[in-house]
Amino acid sequence: MFPIDLANFDRLPNAAHVNVTTVAGLYGCTEATIWLRLRKNQIPQPRRFGAHTRWNVGELREALMKGADSTFATGKTRQKK
């Protein structure tokens, strides 16, 4: 199932928050990989709202752009194993 927040990500305000399923879709990986990257400080820290963990859209956009900028600057892409 395609998360509605992922489908509408470009229209979300920077102050919005999204769940781990949406973050995984943005990074093109599994939810388990998101938690691993979080432990390695490779993605922005989420916020807790009661029992819910959510990521700030503005922080995700910034992190994704930094990642895209470094890939563009080096001309390197990650190779699949």
PDB file of N, CA and C in Angstrom:
ATOM      1  N   MET A   1       0.839  -1.179   0.000  1.00  0.00           N
ATOM      2  CA  MET A   1       0.000   0.000   0.000  1.00  0.00           C
ATOM      3  C   MET A   1       0.881   1.238   0.000  1.00  0.00           C
ATOM      4  N   PHE A   2       0.531   2.219  -0.796  1.00  0.00           N
ATOM      5  CA  PHE A   2       1.290   3.453  -0.942  1.00  0.00           C
ATOM      6  C   PHE A   2       0.790   4.462   0.085  1.00  0.00           C
ATOM      7  N   PRO A   3       1.648   4.884   1.036  1.00  0.00           N
ATOM      8  CA  PRO A   3       1.196   5.822   2.075  1.00  0.00           C
ATOM      9  C   PRO A   3       0.729   7.145   1.474  1.00  0.00           C
ATOM     10  N   ILE A   4      -0.380   7.655   1.956  1.00  0.00           N
ATOM     11  CA  ILE A   4      -0.942   8.904   1.443  1.00  0.00           C
ATOM     12  C   ILE A   4       0.015  10.071   1.654  1.00  0.00           C
ATOM     13  N   ASP A   5       0.752  10.064   2.787  1.00  0.00           N
ATOM     14  CA  ASP A   5       1.721  11.133   3.030  1.00  0.00           C
ATOM     15  C   ASP A   5       2.849  11.107   2.013  1.00  0.00           C
ATOM     16  N   LEU A   6       3.231   9.932   1.555  1.00  0.00           N
ATOM     17  CA  LEU A   6       4.278   9.826   0.552  1.00  0.00           C
ATOM     18  C   LEU A   6       3.778  10.358  -0.787  1.00  0.00           C
ATOM     19  N   ALA A   7       2.562  10.021  -1.129  1.00  0.00           N
ATOM     20  CA  ALA A   7       1.984  10.492  -2.384  1.00  0.00           C
ATOM     21  C   ALA A   7       1.849  12.008  -2.402  1.00  0.00           C
ATOM     22  N   ASN A   8       1.631  12.606  -1.240  1.00  0.00           N
ATOM     23  CA  ASN A   8       1.426  14.054  -1.141  1.00  0.00           C
ATOM     24  C   ASN A   8       2.606  14.776  -0.506  1.00  0.00           C
ATOM     25  N   PHE A   9       3.762  14.138  -0.411  1.00  0.00           N
ATOM     26  CA  PHE A   9       4.888  14.698   0.330  1.00  0.00           C
ATOM     27  C   PHE A   9       5.267  16.099  -0.154  1.00  0.00           C
ATOM     28  N   ASP A  10       5.287  16.315  -1.455  1.00  0.00           N
ATOM     29  CA  ASP A  10       5.680  17.625  -1.993  1.00  0.00           C
ATOM     30  C   ASP A  10       4.713  18.733  -1.598  1.00  0.00           C
ATOM     31  N   ARG A  11       3.502  18.371  -1.262  1.00  0.00           N
ATOM     32  CA  ARG A  11       2.499  19.380  -0.886  1.00  0.00           C
ATOM     33  C   ARG A  11       2.405  19.601   0.620  1.00  0.00           C
ATOM     34  N   LEU A  12       3.074  18.766   1.401  1.00  0.00           N
ATOM     35  CA  LEU A  12       3.027  18.912   2.859  1.00  0.00           C
ATOM     36  C   LEU A  12       3.849  20.123   3.291  1.00  0.00           C
ATOM     37  N   PRO A  13       3.383  20.859   4.293  1.00  0.00           N
ATOM     38  CA  PRO A  13       4.189  21.976   4.807  1.00  0.00           C
ATOM     39  C   PRO A  13       5.405  21.448   5.569  1.00  0.00           C
ATOM     40  N   ASN A  14       6.443  22.265   5.669  1.00  0.00           N
ATOM     41  CA  ASN A  14       7.651  21.850   6.389  1.00  0.00           C
ATOM     42  C   ASN A  14       7.373  21.510   7.845  1.00  0.00           C
ATOM     43  N   ALA A  15       6.325  22.070   8.415  1.00  0.00           N
ATOM     44  CA  ALA A  15       5.997  21.821   9.821  1.00  0.00           C
ATOM     45  C   ALA A  15       5.243  20.510  10.034  1.00  0.00           C
ATOM     46  N   ALA A  16       4.861  19.831   8.962  1.00  0.00           N
ATOM     47  CA  ALA A  16       4.119  18.572   9.081  1.00  0.00           C
ATOM     48  C   ALA A  16       5.050  17.460   9.568  1.00  0.00           C
ATOM     49  N   HIS A  17       4.451  16.378  10.014  1.00  0.00           N
ATOM     50  CA  HIS A  17       5.200  15.213  10.489  1.00  0.00           C
ATOM     51  C   HIS A  17       4.663  13.954   9.811  1.00  0.00           C
ATOM     52  N   VAL A  18       5.562  13.008   9.508  1.00  0.00           N
ATOM     53  CA  VAL A  18       5.175  11.769   8.836  1.00  0.00           C
ATOM     54  C   VAL A  18       5.720  10.566   9.601  1.00  0.00           C
ATOM     55  N   ASN A  19       5.129   9.406   9.343  1.00  0.00           N
ATOM     56  CA  ASN A  19       5.505   8.190  10.069  1.00  0.00           C
ATOM     57  C   ASN A  19       6.646   7.442   9.378  1.00  0.00           C
ATOM     58  N   VAL A  20       7.072   6.362   9.988  1.00  0.00           N
ATOM     59  CA  VAL A  20       8.216   5.593   9.507  1.00  0.00           C
ATOM     60  C   VAL A  20       7.954   4.975   8.133  1.00  0.00           C
ATOM     61  N   THR A  21       6.725   4.628   7.832  1.00  0.00           N
ATOM     62  CA  THR A  21       6.404   4.055   6.524  1.00  0.00           C
ATOM     63  C   THR A  21       6.679   5.073   5.420  1.00  0.00           C
ATOM     64  N   THR A  22       6.309   6.310   5.660  1.00  0.00           N
ATOM     65  CA  THR A  22       6.551   7.376   4.687  1.00  0.00           C
ATOM     66  C   THR A  22       8.041   7.638   4.542  1.00  0.00           C
ATOM     67  N   VAL A  23       8.759   7.670   5.659  1.00  0.00           N
ATOM     68  CA  VAL A  23      10.211   7.903   5.616  1.00  0.00           C
ATOM     69  C   VAL A  23      10.894   6.787   4.834  1.00  0.00           C
ATOM     70  N   ALA A  24      10.492   5.553   5.064  1.00  0.00           N
ATOM     71  CA  ALA A  24      11.063   4.427   4.320  1.00  0.00           C
ATOM     72  C   ALA A  24      10.798   4.576   2.823  1.00  0.00           C
ATOM     73  N   GLY A  25       9.610   5.025   2.460  1.00  0.00           N
ATOM     74  CA  GLY A  25       9.292   5.254   1.053  1.00  0.00           C
ATOM     75  C   GLY A  25      10.161   6.346   0.442  1.00  0.00           C
ATOM     76  N   LEU A  26      10.414   7.399   1.201  1.00  0.00           N
ATOM     77  CA  LEU A  26      11.261   8.489   0.708  1.00  0.00           C
ATOM     78  C   LEU A  26      12.689   8.034   0.456  1.00  0.00           C
ATOM     79  N   TYR A  27      13.196   7.192   1.339  1.00  0.00           N
ATOM     80  CA  TYR A  27      14.573   6.717   1.219  1.00  0.00           C
ATOM     81  C   TYR A  27      14.684   5.444   0.381  1.00  0.00           C
ATOM     82  N   GLY A  28      13.557   4.882  -0.004  1.00  0.00           N
ATOM     83  CA  GLY A  28      13.573   3.686  -0.842  1.00  0.00           C
ATOM     84  C   GLY A  28      14.131   2.468  -0.136  1.00  0.00           C
ATOM     85  N   CYS A  29      13.756   2.298   1.124  1.00  0.00           N
ATOM     86  CA  CYS A  29      14.248   1.168   1.904  1.00  0.00           C
ATOM     87  C   CYS A  29      13.136   0.652   2.812  1.00  0.00           C
ATOM     88  N   THR A  30      13.455  -0.305   3.637  1.00  0.00           N
ATOM     89  CA  THR A  30      12.465  -0.866   4.550  1.00  0.00           C
ATOM     90  C   THR A  30      12.412  -0.045   5.833  1.00  0.00           C
ATOM     91  N   GLU A  31      11.370  -0.268   6.600  1.00  0.00           N
ATOM     92  CA  GLU A  31      11.249   0.395   7.895  1.00  0.00           C
ATOM     93  C   GLU A  31      12.391  -0.018   8.815  1.00  0.00           C
ATOM     94  N   ALA A  32      12.802  -1.275   8.748  1.00  0.00           N
ATOM     95  CA  ALA A  32      13.923  -1.744   9.580  1.00  0.00           C
ATOM     96  C   ALA A  32      15.202  -0.973   9.254  1.00  0.00           C
ATOM     97  N   THR A  33      15.412  -0.673   7.982  1.00  0.00           N
ATOM     98  CA  THR A  33      16.589   0.097   7.578  1.00  0.00           C
ATOM     99  C   THR A  33      16.521   1.525   8.112  1.00  0.00           C
ATOM    100  N   ILE A  34      15.329   2.091   8.166  1.00  0.00           N
ATOM    101  CA  ILE A  34      15.172   3.435   8.736  1.00  0.00           C
ATOM    102  C   ILE A  34      15.617   3.433  10.190  1.00  0.00           C
ATOM    103  N   TRP A  35      15.188   2.440  10.968  1.00  0.00           N
ATOM    104  CA  TRP A  35      15.592   2.372  12.379  1.00  0.00           C
ATOM    105  C   TRP A  35      17.104   2.183  12.496  1.00  0.00           C
ATOM    106  N   LEU A  36      17.705   1.404  11.602  1.00  0.00           N
ATOM    107  CA  LEU A  36      19.154   1.220  11.603  1.00  0.00           C
ATOM    108  C   LEU A  36      19.862   2.540  11.290  1.00  0.00           C
ATOM    109  N   ARG A  37      19.402   3.235  10.261  1.00  0.00           N
ATOM    110  CA  ARG A  37      19.999   4.524   9.902  1.00  0.00           C
ATOM    111  C   ARG A  37      19.824   5.550  11.018  1.00  0.00           C
ATOM    112  N   LEU A  38      18.729   5.461  11.739  1.00  0.00           N
ATOM    113  CA  LEU A  38      18.491   6.359  12.863  1.00  0.00           C
ATOM    114  C   LEU A  38      19.532   6.111  13.961  1.00  0.00           C
ATOM    115  N   ARG A  39      19.781   4.837  14.267  1.00  0.00           N
ATOM    116  CA  ARG A  39      20.783   4.502  15.284  1.00  0.00           C
ATOM    117  C   ARG A  39      22.178   4.961  14.874  1.00  0.00           C
ATOM    118  N   LYS A  40      22.436   5.013  13.563  1.00  0.00           N
ATOM    119  CA  LYS A  40      23.734   5.455  13.046  1.00  0.00           C
ATOM    120  C   LYS A  40      23.768   6.966  12.787  1.00  0.00           C
ATOM    121  N   ASN A  41      22.698   7.664  13.172  1.00  0.00           N
ATOM    122  CA  ASN A  41      22.579   9.117  12.970  1.00  0.00           C
ATOM    123  C   ASN A  41      22.715   9.523  11.504  1.00  0.00           C
ATOM    124  N   GLN A  42      22.183   8.717  10.609  1.00  0.00           N
ATOM    125  CA  GLN A  42      22.238   8.998   9.179  1.00  0.00           C
ATOM    126  C   GLN A  42      20.989   9.701   8.675  1.00  0.00           C
ATOM    127  N   ILE A  43      19.980   9.806   9.507  1.00  0.00           N
ATOM    128  CA  ILE A  43      18.748  10.499   9.153  1.00  0.00           C
ATOM    129  C   ILE A  43      18.353  11.386  10.330  1.00  0.00           C
ATOM    130  N   PRO A  44      17.497  12.371  10.091  1.00  0.00           N
ATOM    131  CA  PRO A  44      17.073  13.249  11.193  1.00  0.00           C
ATOM    132  C   PRO A  44      16.388  12.476  12.316  1.00  0.00           C
ATOM    133  N   GLN A  45      16.514  12.996  13.513  1.00  0.00           N
ATOM    134  CA  GLN A  45      15.867  12.390  14.674  1.00  0.00           C
ATOM    135  C   GLN A  45      14.355  12.639  14.619  1.00  0.00           C
ATOM    136  N   PRO A  46      13.575  11.636  14.935  1.00  0.00           N
ATOM    137  CA  PRO A  46      12.114  11.809  14.964  1.00  0.00           C
ATOM    138  C   PRO A  46      11.678  12.443  16.282  1.00  0.00           C
ATOM    139  N   ARG A  47      10.411  12.767  16.349  1.00  0.00           N
ATOM    140  CA  ARG A  47       9.797  13.288  17.572  1.00  0.00           C
ATOM    141  C   ARG A  47       8.731  12.301  18.023  1.00  0.00           C
ATOM    142  N   ARG A  48       8.510  12.285  19.318  1.00  0.00           N
ATOM    143  CA  ARG A  48       7.471  11.409  19.880  1.00  0.00           C
ATOM    144  C   ARG A  48       6.240  12.252  20.196  1.00  0.00           C
ATOM    145  N   PHE A  49       5.101  11.780  19.754  1.00  0.00           N
ATOM    146  CA  PHE A  49       3.810  12.374  20.077  1.00  0.00           C
ATOM    147  C   PHE A  49       2.994  11.278  20.744  1.00  0.00           C
ATOM    148  N   GLY A  50       3.084  11.213  22.056  1.00  0.00           N
ATOM    149  CA  GLY A  50       2.440  10.122  22.782  1.00  0.00           C
ATOM    150  C   GLY A  50       3.109   8.819  22.403  1.00  0.00           C
ATOM    151  N   ALA A  51       2.330   7.872  21.899  1.00  0.00           N
ATOM    152  CA  ALA A  51       2.861   6.574  21.499  1.00  0.00           C
ATOM    153  C   ALA A  51       3.333   6.563  20.041  1.00  0.00           C
ATOM    154  N   HIS A  52       3.285   7.708  19.369  1.00  0.00           N
ATOM    155  CA  HIS A  52       3.607   7.786  17.936  1.00  0.00           C
ATOM    156  C   HIS A  52       4.951   8.454  17.704  1.00  0.00           C
ATOM    157  N   THR A  53       5.724   7.904  16.781  1.00  0.00           N
ATOM    158  CA  THR A  53       7.003   8.477  16.380  1.00  0.00           C
ATOM    159  C   THR A  53       6.827   9.080  14.999  1.00  0.00           C
ATOM    160  N   ARG A  54       7.214  10.359  14.860  1.00  0.00           N
ATOM    161  CA  ARG A  54       7.030  11.061  13.592  1.00  0.00           C
ATOM    162  C   ARG A  54       8.267  11.891  13.253  1.00  0.00           C
ATOM    163  N   TRP A  55       8.533  12.028  11.947  1.00  0.00           N
ATOM    164  CA  TRP A  55       9.639  12.837  11.457  1.00  0.00           C
ATOM    165  C   TRP A  55       9.108  14.150  10.894  1.00  0.00           C
ATOM    166  N   ASN A  56       9.849  15.228  11.119  1.00  0.00           N
ATOM    167  CA  ASN A  56       9.491  16.536  10.605  1.00  0.00           C
ATOM    168  C   ASN A  56       9.790  16.595   9.108  1.00  0.00           C
ATOM    169  N   VAL A  57       8.822  17.028   8.328  1.00  0.00           N
ATOM    170  CA  VAL A  57       8.940  17.060   6.872  1.00  0.00           C
ATOM    171  C   VAL A  57      10.076  17.995   6.430  1.00  0.00           C
ATOM    172  N   GLY A  58      10.176  19.175   7.029  1.00  0.00           N
ATOM    173  CA  GLY A  58      11.229  20.118   6.659  1.00  0.00           C
ATOM    174  C   GLY A  58      12.624  19.549   6.884  1.00  0.00           C
ATOM    175  N   GLU A  59      12.810  18.852   8.005  1.00  0.00           N
ATOM    176  CA  GLU A  59      14.106  18.239   8.293  1.00  0.00           C
ATOM    177  C   GLU A  59      14.414  17.109   7.318  1.00  0.00           C
ATOM    178  N   LEU A  60      13.398  16.354   6.943  1.00  0.00           N
ATOM    179  CA  LEU A  60      13.600  15.285   5.958  1.00  0.00           C
ATOM    180  C   LEU A  60      13.979  15.870   4.602  1.00  0.00           C
ATOM    181  N   ARG A  61      13.292  16.926   4.187  1.00  0.00           N
ATOM    182  CA  ARG A  61      13.621  17.558   2.898  1.00  0.00           C
ATOM    183  C   ARG A  61      15.067  18.034   2.887  1.00  0.00           C
ATOM    184  N   GLU A  62      15.486  18.665   3.980  1.00  0.00           N
ATOM    185  CA  GLU A  62      16.857  19.157   4.077  1.00  0.00           C
ATOM    186  C   GLU A  62      17.855  18.006   3.992  1.00  0.00           C
ATOM    187  N   ALA A  63      17.603  16.924   4.720  1.00  0.00           N
ATOM    188  CA  ALA A  63      18.503  15.766   4.705  1.00  0.00           C
ATOM    189  C   ALA A  63      18.537  15.120   3.321  1.00  0.00           C
ATOM    190  N   LEU A  64      17.393  15.012   2.681  1.00  0.00           N
ATOM    191  CA  LEU A  64      17.347  14.409   1.346  1.00  0.00           C
ATOM    192  C   LEU A  64      18.089  15.277   0.334  1.00  0.00           C
ATOM    193  N   MET A  65      17.967  16.590   0.444  1.00  0.00           N
ATOM    194  CA  MET A  65      18.673  17.487  -0.471  1.00  0.00           C
ATOM    195  C   MET A  65      20.185  17.418  -0.242  1.00  0.00           C
ATOM    196  N   LYS A  66      20.616  17.340   1.000  1.00  0.00           N
ATOM    197  CA  LYS A  66      22.044  17.206   1.287  1.00  0.00           C
ATOM    198  C   LYS A  66      22.585  15.918   0.681  1.00  0.00           C
ATOM    199  N   GLY A  67      21.815  14.846   0.800  1.00  0.00           N
ATOM    200  CA  GLY A  67      22.223  13.580   0.209  1.00  0.00           C
ATOM    201  C   GLY A  67      22.286  13.659  -1.301  1.00  0.00           C
ATOM    202  N   ALA A  68      21.323  14.329  -1.905  1.00  0.00           N
ATOM    203  CA  ALA A  68      21.296  14.491  -3.355  1.00  0.00           C
ATOM    204  C   ALA A  68      22.446  15.385  -3.805  1.00  0.00           C
ATOM    205  N   ASP A  69      22.734  16.438  -3.044  1.00  0.00           N
ATOM    206  CA  ASP A  69      23.826  17.347  -3.386  1.00  0.00           C
ATOM    207  C   ASP A  69      25.167  16.630  -3.358  1.00  0.00           C
ATOM    208  N   SER A  70      25.390  15.778  -2.354  1.00  0.00           N
ATOM    209  CA  SER A  70      26.673  15.078  -2.264  1.00  0.00           C
ATOM    210  C   SER A  70      26.814  14.060  -3.389  1.00  0.00           C
ATOM    211  N   THR A  71      25.727  13.414  -3.760  1.00  0.00           N
ATOM    212  CA  THR A  71      25.770  12.462  -4.875  1.00  0.00           C
ATOM    213  C   THR A  71      26.049  13.202  -6.175  1.00  0.00           C
ATOM    214  N   PHE A  72      25.403  14.350  -6.364  1.00  0.00           N
ATOM    215  CA  PHE A  72      25.587  15.140  -7.578  1.00  0.00           C
ATOM    216  C   PHE A  72      27.014  15.676  -7.651  1.00  0.00           C
ATOM    217  N   ALA A  73      27.538  16.159  -6.521  1.00  0.00           N
ATOM    218  CA  ALA A  73      28.876  16.751  -6.493  1.00  0.00           C
ATOM    219  C   ALA A  73      29.954  15.724  -6.789  1.00  0.00           C
ATOM    220  N   THR A  74      29.797  14.510  -6.306  1.00  0.00           N
ATOM    221  CA  THR A  74      30.829  13.488  -6.512  1.00  0.00           C
ATOM    222  C   THR A  74      30.598  12.707  -7.795  1.00  0.00           C
ATOM    223  N   GLY A  75      29.373  12.744  -8.307  1.00  0.00           N
ATOM    224  CA  GLY A  75      29.048  11.966  -9.484  1.00  0.00           C
ATOM    225  C   GLY A  75      28.915  10.495  -9.206  1.00  0.00           C
ATOM    226  N   LYS A  76      28.916  10.127  -7.911  1.00  0.00           N
ATOM    227  CA  LYS A  76      28.840   8.720  -7.525  1.00  0.00           C
ATOM    228  C   LYS A  76      27.443   8.364  -7.082  1.00  0.00           C
ATOM    229  N   THR A  77      27.025   7.186  -7.433  1.00  0.00           N
ATOM    230  CA  THR A  77      25.775   6.634  -6.922  1.00  0.00           C
ATOM    231  C   THR A  77      26.101   5.354  -6.195  1.00  0.00           C
ATOM    232  N   ARG A  78      25.223   4.981  -5.295  1.00  0.00           N
ATOM    233  CA  ARG A  78      25.452   3.752  -4.555  1.00  0.00           C
ATOM    234  C   ARG A  78      25.195   2.552  -5.452  1.00  0.00           C
ATOM    235  N   GLN A  79      26.050   1.578  -5.339  1.00  0.00           N
ATOM    236  CA  GLN A  79      25.922   0.364  -6.125  1.00  0.00           C
ATOM    237  C   GLN A  79      25.157  -0.673  -5.312  1.00  0.00           C
ATOM    238  N   LYS A  80      24.243  -1.366  -5.943  1.00  0.00           N
ATOM    239  CA  LYS A  80      23.532  -2.461  -5.278  1.00  0.00           C
ATOM    240  C   LYS A  80      24.436  -3.683  -5.259  1.00  0.00           C
ATOM    241  N   LYS A  81      24.354  -4.418  -4.164  1.00  0.00           N
ATOM    242  CA  LYS A  81      25.173  -5.626  -4.030  1.00  0.00           C
ATOM    243  C   LYS A  81      24.437  -6.819  -4.551  1.00  0.00           C
TER     244      LYS A  81
END
